[in-house]
Amino acid sequence: MSPKELLYIEDALGHTQFLMNQCRNAANQLTDPVLRQQAQQLVNGNQKLFTQFYNLV
Protein backbone atom coordinates (compact mmCIF):
# COMPACT_ATOMS: atom_id res chain seq x y z
CA MET A 1 0.00 0.00 0.00
CA SER A 2 1.37 3.37 -0.97
CA PRO A 3 1.91 6.22 1.51
CA LYS A 4 -0.83 8.21 -0.22
CA GLU A 5 -3.30 5.34 0.22
CA LEU A 6 -2.37 5.09 3.90
CA LEU A 7 -3.02 8.81 4.32
CA TYR A 8 -6.43 8.37 2.71
CA ILE A 9 -7.30 5.54 5.11
CA GLU A 10 -6.07 7.58 8.07
CA ASP A 11 -8.26 10.48 6.95
CA ALA A 12 -11.26 8.18 6.51
CA LEU A 13 -10.71 6.74 10.00
CA GLY A 14 -10.68 10.23 11.48
CA HIS A 15 -13.86 11.26 9.69
CA THR A 16 -15.65 8.07 10.67
CA GLN A 17 -14.60 8.46 14.30
CA PHE A 18 -15.81 12.07 14.28
CA LEU A 19 -19.21 10.97 12.91
CA MET A 20 -19.47 8.24 15.55
CA ASN A 21 -18.84 10.78 18.30
CA GLN A 22 -21.36 13.25 16.88
CA CYS A 23 -24.06 10.59 16.53
CA ARG A 24 -23.31 9.19 20.01
CA ASN A 25 -23.63 12.68 21.52
CA ALA A 26 -26.91 13.21 19.68
CA ALA A 27 -28.24 9.84 20.85
CA ASN A 28 -27.39 10.71 24.45
CA GLN A 29 -29.19 14.05 24.25
CA LEU A 30 -32.31 13.00 22.36
CA THR A 31 -35.42 12.29 24.38
CA ASP A 32 -37.52 10.86 21.55
CA PRO A 33 -36.90 7.09 21.57
CA VAL A 34 -37.31 6.75 17.78
CA LEU A 35 -34.78 9.49 17.06
CA ARG A 36 -32.45 8.10 19.72
CA GLN A 37 -32.61 4.67 18.09
CA GLN A 38 -31.87 6.15 14.66
CA ALA A 39 -28.87 8.04 16.01
CA GLN A 40 -27.63 4.84 17.66
CA GLN A 41 -28.02 3.00 14.36
CA LEU A 42 -25.82 5.66 12.76
CA VAL A 43 -23.22 5.08 15.48
CA ASN A 44 -23.31 1.35 14.76
CA GLY A 45 -23.02 1.89 11.00
CA ASN A 46 -20.06 4.21 11.43
CA GLN A 47 -18.44 1.71 13.80
CA LYS A 48 -18.68 -0.93 11.07
CA LEU A 49 -17.13 1.48 8.56
CA PHE A 50 -14.34 2.30 11.01
CA THR A 51 -13.59 -1.39 11.47
CA GLN A 52 -13.56 -1.98 7.71
CA PHE A 53 -11.16 0.91 7.12
CA TYR A 54 -8.98 -0.19 10.04
CA ASN A 55 -8.77 -3.73 8.66
CA LEU A 56 -7.33 -2.36 5.42
CA VAL A 57 -4.18 -1.42 7.30
PDB file of N, CA and C in Angstrom:
ATOM      1  N   MET A   1       0.855  -1.170   0.000  1.00  0.00           N
ATOM      2  CA  MET A   1       0.000   0.000   0.000  1.00  0.00           C
ATOM      3  C   MET A   1       0.903   1.236   0.000  1.00  0.00           C
ATOM      4  N   SER A   2       0.551   2.176  -0.832  1.00  0.00           N
ATOM      5  CA  SER A   2       1.375   3.374  -0.970  1.00  0.00           C
ATOM      6  C   SER A   2       1.145   4.336   0.208  1.00  0.00           C
ATOM      7  N   PRO A   3       2.093   5.228   0.435  1.00  0.00           N
ATOM      8  CA  PRO A   3       1.915   6.223   1.509  1.00  0.00           C
ATOM      9  C   PRO A   3       0.676   7.087   1.300  1.00  0.00           C
ATOM     10  N   LYS A   4       0.362   7.394   0.053  1.00  0.00           N
ATOM     11  CA  LYS A   4      -0.829   8.207  -0.224  1.00  0.00           C
ATOM     12  C   LYS A   4      -2.101   7.447   0.145  1.00  0.00           C
ATOM     13  N   GLU A   5      -2.133   6.154  -0.143  1.00  0.00           N
ATOM     14  CA  GLU A   5      -3.297   5.340   0.224  1.00  0.00           C
ATOM     15  C   GLU A   5      -3.436   5.250   1.739  1.00  0.00           C
ATOM     16  N   LEU A   6      -2.319   5.132   2.440  1.00  0.00           N
ATOM     17  CA  LEU A   6      -2.367   5.089   3.901  1.00  0.00           C
ATOM     18  C   LEU A   6      -2.889   6.400   4.479  1.00  0.00           C
ATOM     19  N   LEU A   7      -2.494   7.515   3.865  1.00  0.00           N
ATOM     20  CA  LEU A   7      -3.015   8.809   4.315  1.00  0.00           C
ATOM     21  C   LEU A   7      -4.520   8.905   4.099  1.00  0.00           C
ATOM     22  N   TYR A   8      -4.998   8.358   2.977  1.00  0.00           N
ATOM     23  CA  TYR A   8      -6.434   8.372   2.712  1.00  0.00           C
ATOM     24  C   TYR A   8      -7.173   7.555   3.769  1.00  0.00           C
ATOM     25  N   ILE A   9      -6.651   6.394   4.104  1.00  0.00           N
ATOM     26  CA  ILE A   9      -7.303   5.543   5.110  1.00  0.00           C
ATOM     27  C   ILE A   9      -7.273   6.228   6.472  1.00  0.00           C
ATOM     28  N   GLU A  10      -6.157   6.854   6.806  1.00  0.00           N
ATOM     29  CA  GLU A  10      -6.065   7.579   8.075  1.00  0.00           C
ATOM     30  C   GLU A  10      -7.104   8.699   8.130  1.00  0.00           C
ATOM     31  N   ASP A  11      -7.266   9.408   7.036  1.00  0.00           N
ATOM     32  CA  ASP A  11      -8.259  10.477   6.954  1.00  0.00           C
ATOM     33  C   ASP A  11      -9.669   9.916   7.102  1.00  0.00           C
ATOM     34  N   ALA A  12      -9.941   8.808   6.426  1.00  0.00           N
ATOM     35  CA  ALA A  12     -11.262   8.179   6.510  1.00  0.00           C
ATOM     36  C   ALA A  12     -11.542   7.706   7.933  1.00  0.00           C
ATOM     37  N   LEU A  13     -10.541   7.163   8.605  1.00  0.00           N
ATOM     38  CA  LEU A  13     -10.713   6.740  10.002  1.00  0.00           C
ATOM     39  C   LEU A  13     -11.070   7.925  10.896  1.00  0.00           C
ATOM     40  N   GLY A  14     -10.395   9.039  10.678  1.00  0.00           N
ATOM     41  CA  GLY A  14     -10.682  10.231  11.476  1.00  0.00           C
ATOM     42  C   GLY A  14     -12.085  10.755  11.255  1.00  0.00           C
ATOM     43  N   HIS A  15     -12.511  10.781  10.002  1.00  0.00           N
ATOM     44  CA  HIS A  15     -13.861  11.262   9.695  1.00  0.00           C
ATOM     45  C   HIS A  15     -14.918  10.330  10.275  1.00  0.00           C
ATOM     46  N   THR A  16     -14.686   9.040  10.159  1.00  0.00           N
ATOM     47  CA  THR A  16     -15.647   8.070  10.674  1.00  0.00           C
ATOM     48  C   THR A  16     -15.737   8.159  12.186  1.00  0.00           C
ATOM     49  N   GLN A  17     -14.595   8.329  12.839  1.00  0.00           N
ATOM     50  CA  GLN A  17     -14.599   8.463  14.298  1.00  0.00           C
ATOM     51  C   GLN A  17     -15.332   9.738  14.723  1.00  0.00           C
ATOM     52  N   PHE A  18     -15.115  10.825  13.990  1.00  0.00           N
ATOM     53  CA  PHE A  18     -15.812  12.067  14.279  1.00  0.00           C
ATOM     54  C   PHE A  18     -17.327  11.868  14.165  1.00  0.00           C
ATOM     55  N   LEU A  19     -17.776  11.212  13.097  1.00  0.00           N
ATOM     56  CA  LEU A  19     -19.211  10.965  12.911  1.00  0.00           C
ATOM     57  C   LEU A  19     -19.779  10.082  14.021  1.00  0.00           C
ATOM     58  N   MET A  20     -19.013   9.082  14.438  1.00  0.00           N
ATOM     59  CA  MET A  20     -19.469   8.235  15.550  1.00  0.00           C
ATOM     60  C   MET A  20     -19.684   9.069  16.801  1.00  0.00           C
ATOM     61  N   ASN A  21     -18.724   9.938  17.098  1.00  0.00           N
ATOM     62  CA  ASN A  21     -18.838  10.777  18.302  1.00  0.00           C
ATOM     63  C   ASN A  21     -20.026  11.725  18.213  1.00  0.00           C
ATOM     64  N   GLN A  22     -20.234  12.330  17.058  1.00  0.00           N
ATOM     65  CA  GLN A  22     -21.360  13.246  16.884  1.00  0.00           C
ATOM     66  C   GLN A  22     -22.693  12.516  17.050  1.00  0.00           C
ATOM     67  N   CYS A  23     -22.812  11.361  16.441  1.00  0.00           N
ATOM     68  CA  CYS A  23     -24.062  10.588  16.534  1.00  0.00           C
ATOM     69  C   CYS A  23     -24.278  10.074  17.955  1.00  0.00           C
ATOM     70  N   ARG A  24     -23.204   9.671  18.618  1.00  0.00           N
ATOM     71  CA  ARG A  24     -23.311   9.194  20.007  1.00  0.00           C
ATOM     72  C   ARG A  24     -23.774  10.334  20.917  1.00  0.00           C
ATOM     73  N   ASN A  25     -23.212  11.515  20.727  1.00  0.00           N
ATOM     74  CA  ASN A  25     -23.635  12.676  21.522  1.00  0.00           C
ATOM     75  C   ASN A  25     -25.103  13.001  21.273  1.00  0.00           C
ATOM     76  N   ALA A  26     -25.508  12.937  20.011  1.00  0.00           N
ATOM     77  CA  ALA A  26     -26.911  13.214  19.684  1.00  0.00           C
ATOM     78  C   ALA A  26     -27.816  12.177  20.338  1.00  0.00           C
ATOM     79  N   ALA A  27     -27.428  10.905  20.254  1.00  0.00           N
ATOM     80  CA  ALA A  27     -28.244   9.843  20.848  1.00  0.00           C
ATOM     81  C   ALA A  27     -28.388  10.039  22.353  1.00  0.00           C
ATOM     82  N   ASN A  28     -27.336  10.500  22.997  1.00  0.00           N
ATOM     83  CA  ASN A  28     -27.393  10.707  24.448  1.00  0.00           C
ATOM     84  C   ASN A  28     -28.265  11.899  24.832  1.00  0.00           C
ATOM     85  N   GLN A  29     -28.420  12.851  23.934  1.00  0.00           N
ATOM     86  CA  GLN A  29     -29.189  14.052  24.253  1.00  0.00           C
ATOM     87  C   GLN A  29     -30.647  13.976  23.805  1.00  0.00           C
ATOM     88  N   LEU A  30     -30.943  13.086  22.869  1.00  0.00           N
ATOM     89  CA  LEU A  30     -32.313  12.999  22.360  1.00  0.00           C
ATOM     90  C   LEU A  30     -33.233  12.358  23.390  1.00  0.00           C
ATOM     91  N   THR A  31     -34.442  12.871  23.461  1.00  0.00           N
ATOM     92  CA  THR A  31     -35.424  12.290  24.377  1.00  0.00           C
ATOM     93  C   THR A  31     -36.430  11.426  23.636  1.00  0.00           C
ATOM     94  N   ASP A  32     -36.612  11.670  22.355  1.00  0.00           N
ATOM     95  CA  ASP A  32     -37.523  10.861  21.546  1.00  0.00           C
ATOM     96  C   ASP A  32     -36.867   9.498  21.289  1.00  0.00           C
ATOM     97  N   PRO A  33     -37.520   8.407  21.713  1.00  0.00           N
ATOM     98  CA  PRO A  33     -36.902   7.087  21.568  1.00  0.00           C
ATOM     99  C   PRO A  33     -36.648   6.682  20.111  1.00  0.00           C
ATOM    100  N   VAL A  34     -37.494   7.096  19.197  1.00  0.00           N
ATOM    101  CA  VAL A  34     -37.307   6.745  17.783  1.00  0.00           C
ATOM    102  C   VAL A  34     -36.071   7.448  17.224  1.00  0.00           C
ATOM    103  N   LEU A  35     -35.955   8.742  17.525  1.00  0.00           N
ATOM    104  CA  LEU A  35     -34.785   9.485  17.060  1.00  0.00           C
ATOM    105  C   LEU A  35     -33.507   8.974  17.725  1.00  0.00           C
ATOM    106  N   ARG A  36     -33.604   8.641  18.994  1.00  0.00           N
ATOM    107  CA  ARG A  36     -32.447   8.104  19.718  1.00  0.00           C
ATOM    108  C   ARG A  36     -31.987   6.796  19.076  1.00  0.00           C
ATOM    109  N   GLN A  37     -32.937   5.945  18.718  1.00  0.00           N
ATOM    110  CA  GLN A  37     -32.607   4.675  18.088  1.00  0.00           C
ATOM    111  C   GLN A  37     -31.956   4.898  16.716  1.00  0.00           C
ATOM    112  N   GLN A  38     -32.460   5.856  15.960  1.00  0.00           N
ATOM    113  CA  GLN A  38     -31.874   6.153  14.658  1.00  0.00           C
ATOM    114  C   GLN A  38     -30.443   6.677  14.806  1.00  0.00           C
ATOM    115  N   ALA A  39     -30.221   7.528  15.767  1.00  0.00           N
ATOM    116  CA  ALA A  39     -28.872   8.038  16.010  1.00  0.00           C
ATOM    117  C   ALA A  39     -27.937   6.903  16.426  1.00  0.00           C
ATOM    118  N   GLN A  40     -28.444   5.989  17.240  1.00  0.00           N
ATOM    119  CA  GLN A  40     -27.631   4.842  17.664  1.00  0.00           C
ATOM    120  C   GLN A  40     -27.322   3.933  16.482  1.00  0.00           C
ATOM    121  N   GLN A  41     -28.267   3.790  15.559  1.00  0.00           N
ATOM    122  CA  GLN A  41     -28.016   2.995  14.356  1.00  0.00           C
ATOM    123  C   GLN A  41     -26.918   3.637  13.505  1.00  0.00           C
ATOM    124  N   LEU A  42     -26.893   4.965  13.471  1.00  0.00           N
ATOM    125  CA  LEU A  42     -25.821   5.662  12.760  1.00  0.00           C
ATOM    126  C   LEU A  42     -24.474   5.418  13.437  1.00  0.00           C
ATOM    127  N   VAL A  43     -24.460   5.397  14.755  1.00  0.00           N
ATOM    128  CA  VAL A  43     -23.224   5.078  15.483  1.00  0.00           C
ATOM    129  C   VAL A  43     -22.745   3.688  15.088  1.00  0.00           C
ATOM    130  N   ASN A  44     -23.665   2.733  15.092  1.00  0.00           N
ATOM    131  CA  ASN A  44     -23.306   1.352  14.760  1.00  0.00           C
ATOM    132  C   ASN A  44     -22.799   1.231  13.320  1.00  0.00           C
ATOM    133  N   GLY A  45     -23.449   1.925  12.399  1.00  0.00           N
ATOM    134  CA  GLY A  45     -23.018   1.892  11.002  1.00  0.00           C
ATOM    135  C   GLY A  45     -21.637   2.491  10.828  1.00  0.00           C
ATOM    136  N   ASN A  46     -21.382   3.595  11.514  1.00  0.00           N
ATOM    137  CA  ASN A  46     -20.061   4.209  11.433  1.00  0.00           C
ATOM    138  C   ASN A  46     -18.999   3.356  12.116  1.00  0.00           C
ATOM    139  N   GLN A  47     -19.387   2.626  13.145  1.00  0.00           N
ATOM    140  CA  GLN A  47     -18.444   1.714  13.795  1.00  0.00           C
ATOM    141  C   GLN A  47     -18.035   0.604  12.825  1.00  0.00           C
ATOM    142  N   LYS A  48     -18.990   0.099  12.068  1.00  0.00           N
ATOM    143  CA  LYS A  48     -18.676  -0.930  11.067  1.00  0.00           C
ATOM    144  C   LYS A  48     -17.738  -0.383  10.005  1.00  0.00           C
ATOM    145  N   LEU A  49     -18.013   0.848   9.545  1.00  0.00           N
ATOM    146  CA  LEU A  49     -17.125   1.477   8.564  1.00  0.00           C
ATOM    147  C   LEU A  49     -15.720   1.662   9.126  1.00  0.00           C
ATOM    148  N   PHE A  50     -15.641   2.111  10.379  1.00  0.00           N
ATOM    149  CA  PHE A  50     -14.343   2.298  11.014  1.00  0.00           C
ATOM    150  C   PHE A  50     -13.568   0.993  11.030  1.00  0.00           C
ATOM    151  N   THR A  51     -14.232  -0.082  11.414  1.00  0.00           N
ATOM    152  CA  THR A  51     -13.588  -1.394  11.474  1.00  0.00           C
ATOM    153  C   THR A  51     -13.116  -1.843  10.096  1.00  0.00           C
ATOM    154  N   GLN A  52     -13.937  -1.608   9.075  1.00  0.00           N
ATOM    155  CA  GLN A  52     -13.557  -1.983   7.713  1.00  0.00           C
ATOM    156  C   GLN A  52     -12.336  -1.201   7.247  1.00  0.00           C
ATOM    157  N   PHE A  53     -12.320   0.107   7.492  1.00  0.00           N
ATOM    158  CA  PHE A  53     -11.164   0.914   7.121  1.00  0.00           C
ATOM    159  C   PHE A  53      -9.923   0.466   7.909  1.00  0.00           C
ATOM    160  N   TYR A  54     -10.105   0.212   9.182  1.00  0.00           N
ATOM    161  CA  TYR A  54      -8.982  -0.194  10.037  1.00  0.00           C
ATOM    162  C   TYR A  54      -8.390  -1.512   9.564  1.00  0.00           C
ATOM    163  N   ASN A  55      -9.243  -2.422   9.124  1.00  0.00           N
ATOM    164  CA  ASN A  55      -8.772  -3.729   8.662  1.00  0.00           C
ATOM    165  C   ASN A  55      -8.000  -3.643   7.345  1.00  0.00           C
ATOM    166  N   LEU A  56      -8.110  -2.536   6.640  1.00  0.00           N
ATOM    167  CA  LEU A  56      -7.334  -2.356   5.420  1.00  0.00           C
ATOM    168  C   LEU A  56      -5.857  -2.162   5.725  1.00  0.00           C
ATOM    169  N   VAL A  57      -5.577  -1.677   6.919  1.00  0.00           N
ATOM    170  CA  VAL A  57      -4.184  -1.418   7.299  1.00  0.00           C
ATOM    171  C   VAL A  57      -3.610  -2.666   7.799  1.00  0.00           C
TER     172      VAL A  57
END
